[in-house]
Amino acid sequence: MLILPKTLQAWNTTAFSAVLKAELEALAPADLPLHKAVSQAGFVDARPLTATVFGSRETGGTVEARVGIFFTEIVVNCGCGDEPMPINGYCELLMTIDKVTSEANISVVSD
């Protein structure tokens, strides 16, 4: 489970989006469910990711945030010879952060 203490501390401040963005970008791509957003012939590369915070709201005992994540996907067997090819990947995540424990549940948004 992902813990985001700095993000929770920044809730209800003007710094919230910047702090959430920084905490997400400090993670390894494998720490997020990005594998659910790659093509069938690809996998998520370990290169740094970029986050964009679209919005957030308080819902009882949690804070919900919707974020966009840009990452690198490695596509194998792309018709480019024997070499895998890096391409840009993107997905949107819905994060629910517990206001007591800072634990974040994350799901890929598909719409």
PDB file of N, CA and C in Angstrom:
ATOM      1  N   MET A   1       0.842  -1.178   0.000  1.00  0.00           N
ATOM      2  CA  MET A   1       0.000   0.000   0.000  1.00  0.00           C
ATOM      3  C   MET A   1       0.886   1.240   0.000  1.00  0.00           C
ATOM      4  N   LEU A   2       0.483   2.224  -0.735  1.00  0.00           N
ATOM      5  CA  LEU A   2       1.217   3.474  -0.866  1.00  0.00           C
ATOM      6  C   LEU A   2       0.836   4.410   0.283  1.00  0.00           C
ATOM      7  N   ILE A   3       1.830   5.047   0.907  1.00  0.00           N
ATOM      8  CA  ILE A   3       1.611   5.999   1.999  1.00  0.00           C
ATOM      9  C   ILE A   3       2.050   7.380   1.503  1.00  0.00           C
ATOM     10  N   LEU A   4       1.170   8.378   1.636  1.00  0.00           N
ATOM     11  CA  LEU A   4       1.456   9.736   1.164  1.00  0.00           C
ATOM     12  C   LEU A   4       1.287  10.748   2.300  1.00  0.00           C
ATOM     13  N   PRO A   5       2.187  10.748   3.289  1.00  0.00           N
ATOM     14  CA  PRO A   5       2.017  11.629   4.448  1.00  0.00           C
ATOM     15  C   PRO A   5       2.131  13.117   4.125  1.00  0.00           C
ATOM     16  N   LYS A   6       3.030  13.501   3.259  1.00  0.00           N
ATOM     17  CA  LYS A   6       3.191  14.922   2.924  1.00  0.00           C
ATOM     18  C   LYS A   6       1.955  15.446   2.199  1.00  0.00           C
ATOM     19  N   THR A   7       1.395  14.617   1.337  1.00  0.00           N
ATOM     20  CA  THR A   7       0.188  15.009   0.617  1.00  0.00           C
ATOM     21  C   THR A   7      -0.959  15.237   1.587  1.00  0.00           C
ATOM     22  N   LEU A   8      -1.125  14.334   2.528  1.00  0.00           N
ATOM     23  CA  LEU A   8      -2.202  14.489   3.504  1.00  0.00           C
ATOM     24  C   LEU A   8      -1.990  15.742   4.356  1.00  0.00           C
ATOM     25  N   GLN A   9      -0.758  16.015   4.752  1.00  0.00           N
ATOM     26  CA  GLN A   9      -0.465  17.222   5.540  1.00  0.00           C
ATOM     27  C   GLN A   9      -0.790  18.486   4.751  1.00  0.00           C
ATOM     28  N   ALA A  10      -0.677  18.433   3.440  1.00  0.00           N
ATOM     29  CA  ALA A  10      -0.927  19.602   2.605  1.00  0.00           C
ATOM     30  C   ALA A  10      -2.398  19.776   2.234  1.00  0.00           C
ATOM     31  N   TRP A  11      -3.251  18.823   2.641  1.00  0.00           N
ATOM     32  CA  TRP A  11      -4.663  18.914   2.285  1.00  0.00           C
ATOM     33  C   TRP A  11      -5.242  20.230   2.828  1.00  0.00           C
ATOM     34  N   ASN A  12      -6.106  20.834   2.060  1.00  0.00           N
ATOM     35  CA  ASN A  12      -6.746  22.114   2.382  1.00  0.00           C
ATOM     36  C   ASN A  12      -5.769  23.281   2.411  1.00  0.00           C
ATOM     37  N   THR A  13      -4.657  23.145   1.697  1.00  0.00           N
ATOM     38  CA  THR A  13      -3.734  24.269   1.515  1.00  0.00           C
ATOM     39  C   THR A  13      -3.539  24.477   0.016  1.00  0.00           C
ATOM     40  N   THR A  14      -2.976  25.604  -0.330  1.00  0.00           N
ATOM     41  CA  THR A  14      -2.713  25.877  -1.747  1.00  0.00           C
ATOM     42  C   THR A  14      -1.594  24.999  -2.303  1.00  0.00           C
ATOM     43  N   ALA A  15      -0.840  24.352  -1.413  1.00  0.00           N
ATOM     44  CA  ALA A  15       0.279  23.512  -1.842  1.00  0.00           C
ATOM     45  C   ALA A  15      -0.131  22.082  -2.163  1.00  0.00           C
ATOM     46  N   PHE A  16      -1.390  21.708  -1.947  1.00  0.00           N
ATOM     47  CA  PHE A  16      -1.805  20.311  -2.075  1.00  0.00           C
ATOM     48  C   PHE A  16      -1.422  19.702  -3.419  1.00  0.00           C
ATOM     49  N   SER A  17      -1.807  20.328  -4.524  1.00  0.00           N
ATOM     50  CA  SER A  17      -1.524  19.748  -5.847  1.00  0.00           C
ATOM     51  C   SER A  17      -0.030  19.596  -6.094  1.00  0.00           C
ATOM     52  N   ALA A  18       0.747  20.595  -5.703  1.00  0.00           N
ATOM     53  CA  ALA A  18       2.201  20.535  -5.914  1.00  0.00           C
ATOM     54  C   ALA A  18       2.836  19.437  -5.068  1.00  0.00           C
ATOM     55  N   VAL A  19       2.360  19.269  -3.840  1.00  0.00           N
ATOM     56  CA  VAL A  19       2.918  18.231  -2.961  1.00  0.00           C
ATOM     57  C   VAL A  19       2.549  16.842  -3.469  1.00  0.00           C
ATOM     58  N   LEU A  20       1.291  16.650  -3.880  1.00  0.00           N
ATOM     59  CA  LEU A  20       0.872  15.359  -4.439  1.00  0.00           C
ATOM     60  C   LEU A  20       1.683  15.047  -5.692  1.00  0.00           C
ATOM     61  N   LYS A  21       1.827  16.019  -6.570  1.00  0.00           N
ATOM     62  CA  LYS A  21       2.621  15.840  -7.795  1.00  0.00           C
ATOM     63  C   LYS A  21       4.048  15.416  -7.448  1.00  0.00           C
ATOM     64  N   ALA A  22       4.672  16.087  -6.491  1.00  0.00           N
ATOM     65  CA  ALA A  22       6.053  15.777  -6.108  1.00  0.00           C
ATOM     66  C   ALA A  22       6.167  14.378  -5.506  1.00  0.00           C
ATOM     67  N   GLU A  23       5.214  14.005  -4.646  1.00  0.00           N
ATOM     68  CA  GLU A  23       5.277  12.660  -4.051  1.00  0.00           C
ATOM     69  C   GLU A  23       5.094  11.578  -5.109  1.00  0.00           C
ATOM     70  N   LEU A  24       4.195  11.799  -6.057  1.00  0.00           N
ATOM     71  CA  LEU A  24       3.984  10.806  -7.113  1.00  0.00           C
ATOM     72  C   LEU A  24       5.197  10.698  -8.029  1.00  0.00           C
ATOM     73  N   GLU A  25       5.782  11.832  -8.386  1.00  0.00           N
ATOM     74  CA  GLU A  25       6.931  11.810  -9.292  1.00  0.00           C
ATOM     75  C   GLU A  25       8.186  11.241  -8.628  1.00  0.00           C
ATOM     76  N   ALA A  26       8.208  11.175  -7.315  1.00  0.00           N
ATOM     77  CA  ALA A  26       9.334  10.577  -6.603  1.00  0.00           C
ATOM     78  C   ALA A  26       9.227   9.047  -6.545  1.00  0.00           C
ATOM     79  N   LEU A  27       8.081   8.512  -6.904  1.00  0.00           N
ATOM     80  CA  LEU A  27       7.872   7.060  -6.878  1.00  0.00           C
ATOM     81  C   LEU A  27       8.496   6.389  -8.093  1.00  0.00           C
ATOM     82  N   ALA A  28       8.785   5.131  -7.935  1.00  0.00           N
ATOM     83  CA  ALA A  28       9.159   4.306  -9.087  1.00  0.00           C
ATOM     84  C   ALA A  28       7.870   3.985  -9.837  1.00  0.00           C
ATOM     85  N   PRO A  29       7.889   3.949 -11.158  1.00  0.00           N
ATOM     86  CA  PRO A  29       6.676   3.613 -11.906  1.00  0.00           C
ATOM     87  C   PRO A  29       6.029   2.304 -11.459  1.00  0.00           C
ATOM     88  N   ALA A  30       6.820   1.361 -10.981  1.00  0.00           N
ATOM     89  CA  ALA A  30       6.275   0.077 -10.529  1.00  0.00           C
ATOM     90  C   ALA A  30       5.423   0.220  -9.268  1.00  0.00           C
ATOM     91  N   ASP A  31       5.504   1.363  -8.579  1.00  0.00           N
ATOM     92  CA  ASP A  31       4.709   1.579  -7.371  1.00  0.00           C
ATOM     93  C   ASP A  31       3.258   1.939  -7.681  1.00  0.00           C
ATOM     94  N   LEU A  32       2.961   2.230  -8.936  1.00  0.00           N
ATOM     95  CA  LEU A  32       1.611   2.584  -9.365  1.00  0.00           C
ATOM     96  C   LEU A  32       1.073   1.503 -10.300  1.00  0.00           C
ATOM     97  N   PRO A  33      -0.249   1.389 -10.435  1.00  0.00           N
ATOM     98  CA  PRO A  33      -0.826   0.333 -11.288  1.00  0.00           C
ATOM     99  C   PRO A  33      -0.791   0.667 -12.779  1.00  0.00           C
ATOM    100  N   LEU A  34       0.338   1.170 -13.249  1.00  0.00           N
ATOM    101  CA  LEU A  34       0.447   1.590 -14.647  1.00  0.00           C
ATOM    102  C   LEU A  34       0.393   0.414 -15.613  1.00  0.00           C
ATOM    103  N   HIS A  35       0.741  -0.769 -15.144  1.00  0.00           N
ATOM    104  CA  HIS A  35       0.709  -1.957 -16.007  1.00  0.00           C
ATOM    105  C   HIS A  35      -0.687  -2.201 -16.578  1.00  0.00           C
ATOM    106  N   LYS A  36      -1.718  -1.670 -15.923  1.00  0.00           N
ATOM    107  CA  LYS A  36      -3.086  -1.838 -16.421  1.00  0.00           C
ATOM    108  C   LYS A  36      -3.383  -0.933 -17.604  1.00  0.00           C
ATOM    109  N   ALA A  37      -2.471   0.008 -17.894  1.00  0.00           N
ATOM    110  CA  ALA A  37      -2.704   0.971 -18.967  1.00  0.00           C
ATOM    111  C   ALA A  37      -1.813   0.749 -20.177  1.00  0.00           C
ATOM    112  N   VAL A  38      -0.982  -0.278 -20.186  1.00  0.00           N
ATOM    113  CA  VAL A  38      -0.081  -0.501 -21.317  1.00  0.00           C
ATOM    114  C   VAL A  38      -0.730  -1.436 -22.342  1.00  0.00           C
ATOM    115  N   SER A  39      -0.172  -1.402 -23.545  1.00  0.00           N
ATOM    116  CA  SER A  39      -0.685  -2.273 -24.600  1.00  0.00           C
ATOM    117  C   SER A  39      -0.351  -3.723 -24.279  1.00  0.00           C
ATOM    118  N   GLN A  40      -0.924  -4.640 -25.015  1.00  0.00           N
ATOM    119  CA  GLN A  40      -0.697  -6.062 -24.766  1.00  0.00           C
ATOM    120  C   GLN A  40       0.736  -6.482 -25.013  1.00  0.00           C
ATOM    121  N   ALA A  41       1.435  -5.748 -25.861  1.00  0.00           N
ATOM    122  CA  ALA A  41       2.801  -6.139 -26.216  1.00  0.00           C
ATOM    123  C   ALA A  41       3.840  -5.273 -25.506  1.00  0.00           C
ATOM    124  N   GLY A  42       3.441  -4.588 -24.438  1.00  0.00           N
ATOM    125  CA  GLY A  42       4.379  -3.681 -23.795  1.00  0.00           C
ATOM    126  C   GLY A  42       4.467  -3.863 -22.296  1.00  0.00           C
ATOM    127  N   PHE A  43       5.411  -3.097 -21.728  1.00  0.00           N
ATOM    128  CA  PHE A  43       5.545  -3.058 -20.272  1.00  0.00           C
ATOM    129  C   PHE A  43       6.027  -1.673 -19.860  1.00  0.00           C
ATOM    130  N   VAL A  44       5.817  -1.341 -18.584  1.00  0.00           N
ATOM    131  CA  VAL A  44       6.184  -0.027 -18.066  1.00  0.00           C
ATOM    132  C   VAL A  44       7.685   0.003 -17.807  1.00  0.00           C
ATOM    133  N   ASP A  45       8.335   1.021 -18.330  1.00  0.00           N
ATOM    134  CA  ASP A  45       9.763   1.205 -18.128  1.00  0.00           C
ATOM    135  C   ASP A  45      10.004   1.885 -16.778  1.00  0.00           C
ATOM    136  N   ALA A  46      11.212   1.770 -16.264  1.00  0.00           N
ATOM    137  CA  ALA A  46      11.564   2.335 -14.962  1.00  0.00           C
ATOM    138  C   ALA A  46      11.934   3.815 -15.021  1.00  0.00           C
ATOM    139  N   ARG A  47      11.830   4.436 -16.168  1.00  0.00           N
ATOM    140  CA  ARG A  47      12.147   5.859 -16.294  1.00  0.00           C
ATOM    141  C   ARG A  47      11.190   6.686 -15.438  1.00  0.00           C
ATOM    142  N   PRO A  48      11.625   7.869 -15.015  1.00  0.00           N
ATOM    143  CA  PRO A  48      10.754   8.716 -14.181  1.00  0.00           C
ATOM    144  C   PRO A  48       9.433   9.036 -14.879  1.00  0.00           C
ATOM    145  N   LEU A  49       8.414   9.276 -14.068  1.00  0.00           N
ATOM    146  CA  LEU A  49       7.103   9.623 -14.597  1.00  0.00           C
ATOM    147  C   LEU A  49       6.793  11.085 -14.297  1.00  0.00           C
ATOM    148  N   THR A  50       5.754  11.584 -14.936  1.00  0.00           N
ATOM    149  CA  THR A  50       5.289  12.947 -14.724  1.00  0.00           C
ATOM    150  C   THR A  50       3.821  12.891 -14.344  1.00  0.00           C
ATOM    151  N   ALA A  51       3.448  13.645 -13.315  1.00  0.00           N
ATOM    152  CA  ALA A  51       2.071  13.652 -12.834  1.00  0.00           C
ATOM    153  C   ALA A  51       1.424  15.013 -13.044  1.00  0.00           C
ATOM    154  N   THR A  52       0.125  14.994 -13.315  1.00  0.00           N
ATOM    155  CA  THR A  52      -0.691  16.194 -13.414  1.00  0.00           C
ATOM    156  C   THR A  52      -1.920  15.985 -12.542  1.00  0.00           C
ATOM    157  N   VAL A  53      -2.172  16.898 -11.608  1.00  0.00           N
ATOM    158  CA  VAL A  53      -3.322  16.788 -10.717  1.00  0.00           C
ATOM    159  C   VAL A  53      -4.490  17.537 -11.355  1.00  0.00           C
ATOM    160  N   PHE A  54      -5.597  16.823 -11.600  1.00  0.00           N
ATOM    161  CA  PHE A  54      -6.771  17.428 -12.232  1.00  0.00           C
ATOM    162  C   PHE A  54      -7.748  18.007 -11.222  1.00  0.00           C
ATOM    163  N   GLY A  55      -7.848  17.380 -10.073  1.00  0.00           N
ATOM    164  CA  GLY A  55      -8.789  17.868  -9.074  1.00  0.00           C
ATOM    165  C   GLY A  55      -8.767  17.000  -7.842  1.00  0.00           C
ATOM    166  N   SER A  56      -9.342  17.531  -6.784  1.00  0.00           N
ATOM    167  CA  SER A  56      -9.409  16.787  -5.531  1.00  0.00           C
ATOM    168  C   SER A  56     -10.624  17.237  -4.743  1.00  0.00           C
ATOM    169  N   ARG A  57     -11.064  16.361  -3.842  1.00  0.00           N
ATOM    170  CA  ARG A  57     -12.198  16.686  -2.982  1.00  0.00           C
ATOM    171  C   ARG A  57     -12.145  15.820  -1.734  1.00  0.00           C
ATOM    172  N   GLU A  58     -12.822  16.293  -0.710  1.00  0.00           N
ATOM    173  CA  GLU A  58     -12.897  15.545   0.544  1.00  0.00           C
ATOM    174  C   GLU A  58     -14.197  14.760   0.548  1.00  0.00           C
ATOM    175  N   THR A  59     -14.102  13.492   0.927  1.00  0.00           N
ATOM    176  CA  THR A  59     -15.287  12.641   0.998  1.00  0.00           C
ATOM    177  C   THR A  59     -15.267  11.900   2.319  1.00  0.00           C
ATOM    178  N   GLY A  60     -15.827  12.474   3.347  1.00  0.00           N
ATOM    179  CA  GLY A  60     -15.848  11.833   4.659  1.00  0.00           C
ATOM    180  C   GLY A  60     -14.459  11.694   5.224  1.00  0.00           C
ATOM    181  N   GLY A  61     -14.021  10.473   5.409  1.00  0.00           N
ATOM    182  CA  GLY A  61     -12.716  10.205   6.001  1.00  0.00           C
ATOM    183  C   GLY A  61     -11.585  10.083   4.999  1.00  0.00           C
ATOM    184  N   THR A  62     -11.840  10.477   3.751  1.00  0.00           N
ATOM    185  CA  THR A  62     -10.803  10.355   2.725  1.00  0.00           C
ATOM    186  C   THR A  62     -10.692  11.631   1.898  1.00  0.00           C
ATOM    187  N   VAL A  63      -9.589  11.716   1.185  1.00  0.00           N
ATOM    188  CA  VAL A  63      -9.383  12.747   0.173  1.00  0.00           C
ATOM    189  C   VAL A  63      -9.263  12.010  -1.150  1.00  0.00           C
ATOM    190  N   GLU A  64     -10.055  12.420  -2.122  1.00  0.00           N
ATOM    191  CA  GLU A  64      -9.979  11.834  -3.455  1.00  0.00           C
ATOM    192  C   GLU A  64      -9.256  12.794  -4.380  1.00  0.00           C
ATOM    193  N   ALA A  65      -8.403  12.254  -5.214  1.00  0.00           N
ATOM    194  CA  ALA A  65      -7.700  13.074  -6.202  1.00  0.00           C
ATOM    195  C   ALA A  65      -7.679  12.322  -7.528  1.00  0.00           C
ATOM    196  N   ARG A  66      -7.874  13.059  -8.598  1.00  0.00           N
ATOM    197  CA  ARG A  66      -7.770  12.483  -9.940  1.00  0.00           C
ATOM    198  C   ARG A  66      -6.515  13.052 -10.571  1.00  0.00           C
ATOM    199  N   VAL A  67      -5.643  12.157 -11.034  1.00  0.00           N
ATOM    200  CA  VAL A  67      -4.358  12.586 -11.584  1.00  0.00           C
ATOM    201  C   VAL A  67      -4.102  11.906 -12.924  1.00  0.00           C
ATOM    202  N   GLY A  68      -3.359  12.590 -13.767  1.00  0.00           N
ATOM    203  CA  GLY A  68      -2.888  12.015 -15.017  1.00  0.00           C
ATOM    204  C   GLY A  68      -1.419  11.670 -14.852  1.00  0.00           C
ATOM    205  N   ILE A  69      -1.029  10.523 -15.368  1.00  0.00           N
ATOM    206  CA  ILE A  69       0.355  10.062 -15.262  1.00  0.00           C
ATOM    207  C   ILE A  69       0.907   9.806 -16.666  1.00  0.00           C
ATOM    208  N   PHE A  70       2.018  10.486 -16.968  1.00  0.00           N
ATOM    209  CA  PHE A  70       2.756  10.249 -18.204  1.00  0.00           C
ATOM    210  C   PHE A  70       3.939   9.360 -17.851  1.00  0.00           C
ATOM    211  N   PHE A  71       4.124   8.279 -18.603  1.00  0.00           N
ATOM    212  CA  PHE A  71       5.195   7.326 -18.328  1.00  0.00           C
ATOM    213  C   PHE A  71       5.733   6.788 -19.644  1.00  0.00           C
ATOM    214  N   THR A  72       6.778   5.997 -19.558  1.00  0.00           N
ATOM    215  CA  THR A  72       7.357   5.381 -20.753  1.00  0.00           C
ATOM    216  C   THR A  72       6.969   3.911 -20.799  1.00  0.00           C
ATOM    217  N   GLU A  73       6.448   3.510 -21.927  1.00  0.00           N
ATOM    218  CA  GLU A  73       6.101   2.101 -22.162  1.00  0.00           C
ATOM    219  C   GLU A  73       7.114   1.540 -23.154  1.00  0.00           C
ATOM    220  N   ILE A  74       7.563   0.339 -22.909  1.00  0.00           N
ATOM    221  CA  ILE A  74       8.451  -0.357 -23.836  1.00  0.00           C
ATOM    222  C   ILE A  74       7.601  -1.373 -24.607  1.00  0.00           C
ATOM    223  N   VAL A  75       7.584  -1.209 -25.921  1.00  0.00           N
ATOM    224  CA  VAL A  75       6.812  -2.108 -26.778  1.00  0.00           C
ATOM    225  C   VAL A  75       7.786  -3.065 -27.441  1.00  0.00           C
ATOM    226  N   VAL A  76       7.524  -4.352 -27.273  1.00  0.00           N
ATOM    227  CA  VAL A  76       8.363  -5.364 -27.908  1.00  0.00           C
ATOM    228  C   VAL A  76       7.671  -5.842 -29.180  1.00  0.00           C
ATOM    229  N   ASN A  77       8.443  -6.363 -30.104  1.00  0.00           N
ATOM    230  CA  ASN A  77       7.905  -6.874 -31.369  1.00  0.00           C
ATOM    231  C   ASN A  77       7.081  -5.821 -32.101  1.00  0.00           C
ATOM    232  N   CYS A  78       7.632  -4.636 -32.215  1.00  0.00           N
ATOM    233  CA  CYS A  78       6.887  -3.530 -32.834  1.00  0.00           C
ATOM    234  C   CYS A  78       7.165  -3.423 -34.329  1.00  0.00           C
ATOM    235  N   GLY A  79       7.868  -4.364 -34.896  1.00  0.00           N
ATOM    236  CA  GLY A  79       8.200  -4.297 -36.304  1.00  0.00           C
ATOM    237  C   GLY A  79       9.427  -3.442 -36.568  1.00  0.00           C
ATOM    238  N   CYS A  80      10.191  -3.163 -35.526  1.00  0.00           N
ATOM    239  CA  CYS A  80      11.377  -2.300 -35.644  1.00  0.00           C
ATOM    240  C   CYS A  80      12.645  -3.130 -35.534  1.00  0.00           C
ATOM    241  N   GLY A  81      12.638  -4.304 -36.042  1.00  0.00           N
ATOM    242  CA  GLY A  81      13.789  -5.184 -35.864  1.00  0.00           C
ATOM    243  C   GLY A  81      13.660  -5.925 -34.541  1.00  0.00           C
ATOM    244  N   ASP A  82      14.796  -6.241 -33.965  1.00  0.00           N
ATOM    245  CA  ASP A  82      14.783  -7.008 -32.720  1.00  0.00           C
ATOM    246  C   ASP A  82      14.744  -6.129 -31.477  1.00  0.00           C
ATOM    247  N   GLU A  83      14.835  -4.818 -31.647  1.00  0.00           N
ATOM    248  CA  GLU A  83      14.928  -3.924 -30.503  1.00  0.00           C
ATOM    249  C   GLU A  83      13.545  -3.488 -30.014  1.00  0.00           C
ATOM    250  N   PRO A  84      13.323  -3.547 -28.708  1.00  0.00           N
ATOM    251  CA  PRO A  84      12.086  -2.968 -28.168  1.00  0.00           C
ATOM    252  C   PRO A  84      12.110  -1.450 -28.343  1.00  0.00           C
ATOM    253  N   MET A  85      10.948  -0.844 -28.425  1.00  0.00           N
ATOM    254  CA  MET A  85      10.854   0.583 -28.694  1.00  0.00           C
ATOM    255  C   MET A  85      10.144   1.302 -27.549  1.00  0.00           C
ATOM    256  N   PRO A  86      10.754   2.372 -27.014  1.00  0.00           N
ATOM    257  CA  PRO A  86      10.061   3.147 -25.986  1.00  0.00           C
ATOM    258  C   PRO A  86       9.030   4.080 -26.635  1.00  0.00           C
ATOM    259  N   ILE A  87       7.836   4.128 -26.058  1.00  0.00           N
ATOM    260  CA  ILE A  87       6.806   5.063 -26.511  1.00  0.00           C
ATOM    261  C   ILE A  87       6.225   5.762 -25.287  1.00  0.00           C
ATOM    262  N   ASN A  88       5.570   6.875 -25.519  1.00  0.00           N
ATOM    263  CA  ASN A  88       4.935   7.604 -24.430  1.00  0.00           C
ATOM    264  C   ASN A  88       3.650   6.906 -24.017  1.00  0.00           C
ATOM    265  N   GLY A  89       3.473   6.756 -22.705  1.00  0.00           N
ATOM    266  CA  GLY A  89       2.255   6.171 -22.162  1.00  0.00           C
ATOM    267  C   GLY A  89       1.542   7.179 -21.284  1.00  0.00           C
ATOM    268  N   TYR A  90       0.237   7.004 -21.127  1.00  0.00           N
ATOM    269  CA  TYR A  90      -0.560   7.915 -20.313  1.00  0.00           C
ATOM    270  C   TYR A  90      -1.738   7.165 -19.731  1.00  0.00           C
ATOM    271  N   CYS A  91      -2.092   7.511 -18.504  1.00  0.00           N
ATOM    272  CA  CYS A  91      -3.331   7.016 -17.920  1.00  0.00           C
ATOM    273  C   CYS A  91      -3.784   7.989 -16.842  1.00  0.00           C
ATOM    274  N   GLU A  92      -5.038   7.858 -16.459  1.00  0.00           N
ATOM    275  CA  GLU A  92      -5.571   8.653 -15.364  1.00  0.00           C
ATOM    276  C   GLU A  92      -5.854   7.733 -14.192  1.00  0.00           C
ATOM    277  N   LEU A  93      -5.527   8.231 -13.002  1.00  0.00           N
ATOM    278  CA  LEU A  93      -5.704   7.467 -11.780  1.00  0.00           C
ATOM    279  C   LEU A  93      -6.677   8.178 -10.848  1.00  0.00           C
ATOM    280  N   LEU A  94      -7.454   7.413 -10.125  1.00  0.00           N
ATOM    281  CA  LEU A  94      -8.272   7.933  -9.036  1.00  0.00           C
ATOM    282  C   LEU A  94      -7.635   7.458  -7.749  1.00  0.00           C
ATOM    283  N   MET A  95      -7.244   8.413  -6.909  1.00  0.00           N
ATOM    284  CA  MET A  95      -6.581   8.098  -5.652  1.00  0.00           C
ATOM    285  C   MET A  95      -7.515   8.432  -4.498  1.00  0.00           C
ATOM    286  N   THR A  96      -7.625   7.514  -3.550  1.00  0.00           N
ATOM    287  CA  THR A  96      -8.390   7.748  -2.332  1.00  0.00           C
ATOM    288  C   THR A  96      -7.419   7.640  -1.172  1.00  0.00           C
ATOM    289  N   ILE A  97      -7.191   8.767  -0.489  1.00  0.00           N
ATOM    290  CA  ILE A  97      -6.197   8.836   0.581  1.00  0.00           C
ATOM    291  C   ILE A  97      -6.919   8.891   1.923  1.00  0.00           C
ATOM    292  N   ASP A  98      -6.646   7.926   2.789  1.00  0.00           N
ATOM    293  CA  ASP A  98      -7.240   7.880   4.120  1.00  0.00           C
ATOM    294  C   ASP A  98      -6.701   9.035   4.952  1.00  0.00           C
ATOM    295  N   LYS A  99      -7.596   9.824   5.563  1.00  0.00           N
ATOM    296  CA  LYS A  99      -7.181  11.013   6.296  1.00  0.00           C
ATOM    297  C   LYS A  99      -6.537  10.696   7.641  1.00  0.00           C
ATOM    298  N   VAL A 100      -6.603   9.468   8.105  1.00  0.00           N
ATOM    299  CA  VAL A 100      -5.972   9.083   9.363  1.00  0.00           C
ATOM    300  C   VAL A 100      -4.610   8.432   9.123  1.00  0.00           C
ATOM    301  N   THR A 101      -4.546   7.505   8.179  1.00  0.00           N
ATOM    302  CA  THR A 101      -3.336   6.698   7.986  1.00  0.00           C
ATOM    303  C   THR A 101      -2.450   7.166   6.829  1.00  0.00           C
ATOM    304  N   SER A 102      -2.935   8.023   5.978  1.00  0.00           N
ATOM    305  CA  SER A 102      -2.240   8.483   4.758  1.00  0.00           C
ATOM    306  C   SER A 102      -2.129   7.384   3.704  1.00  0.00           C
ATOM    307  N   GLU A 103      -2.780   6.250   3.897  1.00  0.00           N
ATOM    308  CA  GLU A 103      -2.736   5.163   2.919  1.00  0.00           C
ATOM    309  C   GLU A 103      -3.571   5.539   1.697  1.00  0.00           C
ATOM    310  N   ALA A 104      -3.009   5.283   0.535  1.00  0.00           N
ATOM    311  CA  ALA A 104      -3.688   5.628  -0.712  1.00  0.00           C
ATOM    312  C   ALA A 104      -4.085   4.364  -1.470  1.00  0.00           C
ATOM    313  N   ASN A 105      -5.345   4.277  -1.830  1.00  0.00           N
ATOM    314  CA  ASN A 105      -5.821   3.258  -2.748  1.00  0.00           C
ATOM    315  C   ASN A 105      -5.883   3.899  -4.123  1.00  0.00           C
ATOM    316  N   ILE A 106      -5.367   3.207  -5.122  1.00  0.00           N
ATOM    317  CA  ILE A 106      -5.237   3.799  -6.447  1.00  0.00           C
ATOM    318  C   ILE A 106      -5.855   2.864  -7.475  1.00  0.00           C
ATOM    319  N   SER A 107      -6.666   3.453  -8.352  1.00  0.00           N
ATOM    320  CA  SER A 107      -7.232   2.661  -9.451  1.00  0.00           C
ATOM    321  C   SER A 107      -7.089   3.435 -10.751  1.00  0.00           C
ATOM    322  N   VAL A 108      -6.950   2.690 -11.839  1.00  0.00           N
ATOM    323  CA  VAL A 108      -6.870   3.281 -13.167  1.00  0.00           C
ATOM    324  C   VAL A 108      -8.277   3.636 -13.601  1.00  0.00           C
ATOM    325  N   VAL A 109      -8.458   4.864 -14.060  1.00  0.00           N
ATOM    326  CA  VAL A 109      -9.745   5.336 -14.543  1.00  0.00           C
ATOM    327  C   VAL A 109      -9.830   5.027 -16.025  1.00  0.00           C
ATOM    328  N   SER A 110     -10.878   4.349 -16.435  1.00  0.00           N
ATOM    329  CA  SER A 110     -11.042   4.035 -17.856  1.00  0.00           C
ATOM    330  C   SER A 110     -12.356   4.607 -18.318  1.00  0.00           C
ATOM    331  N   ASP A 111     -12.251   5.718 -19.046  1.00  0.00           N
ATOM    332  CA  ASP A 111     -13.470   6.303 -19.611  1.00  0.00           C
ATOM    333  C   ASP A 111     -13.226   6.859 -20.965  1.00  0.00           C
TER     334      ASP A 111
END
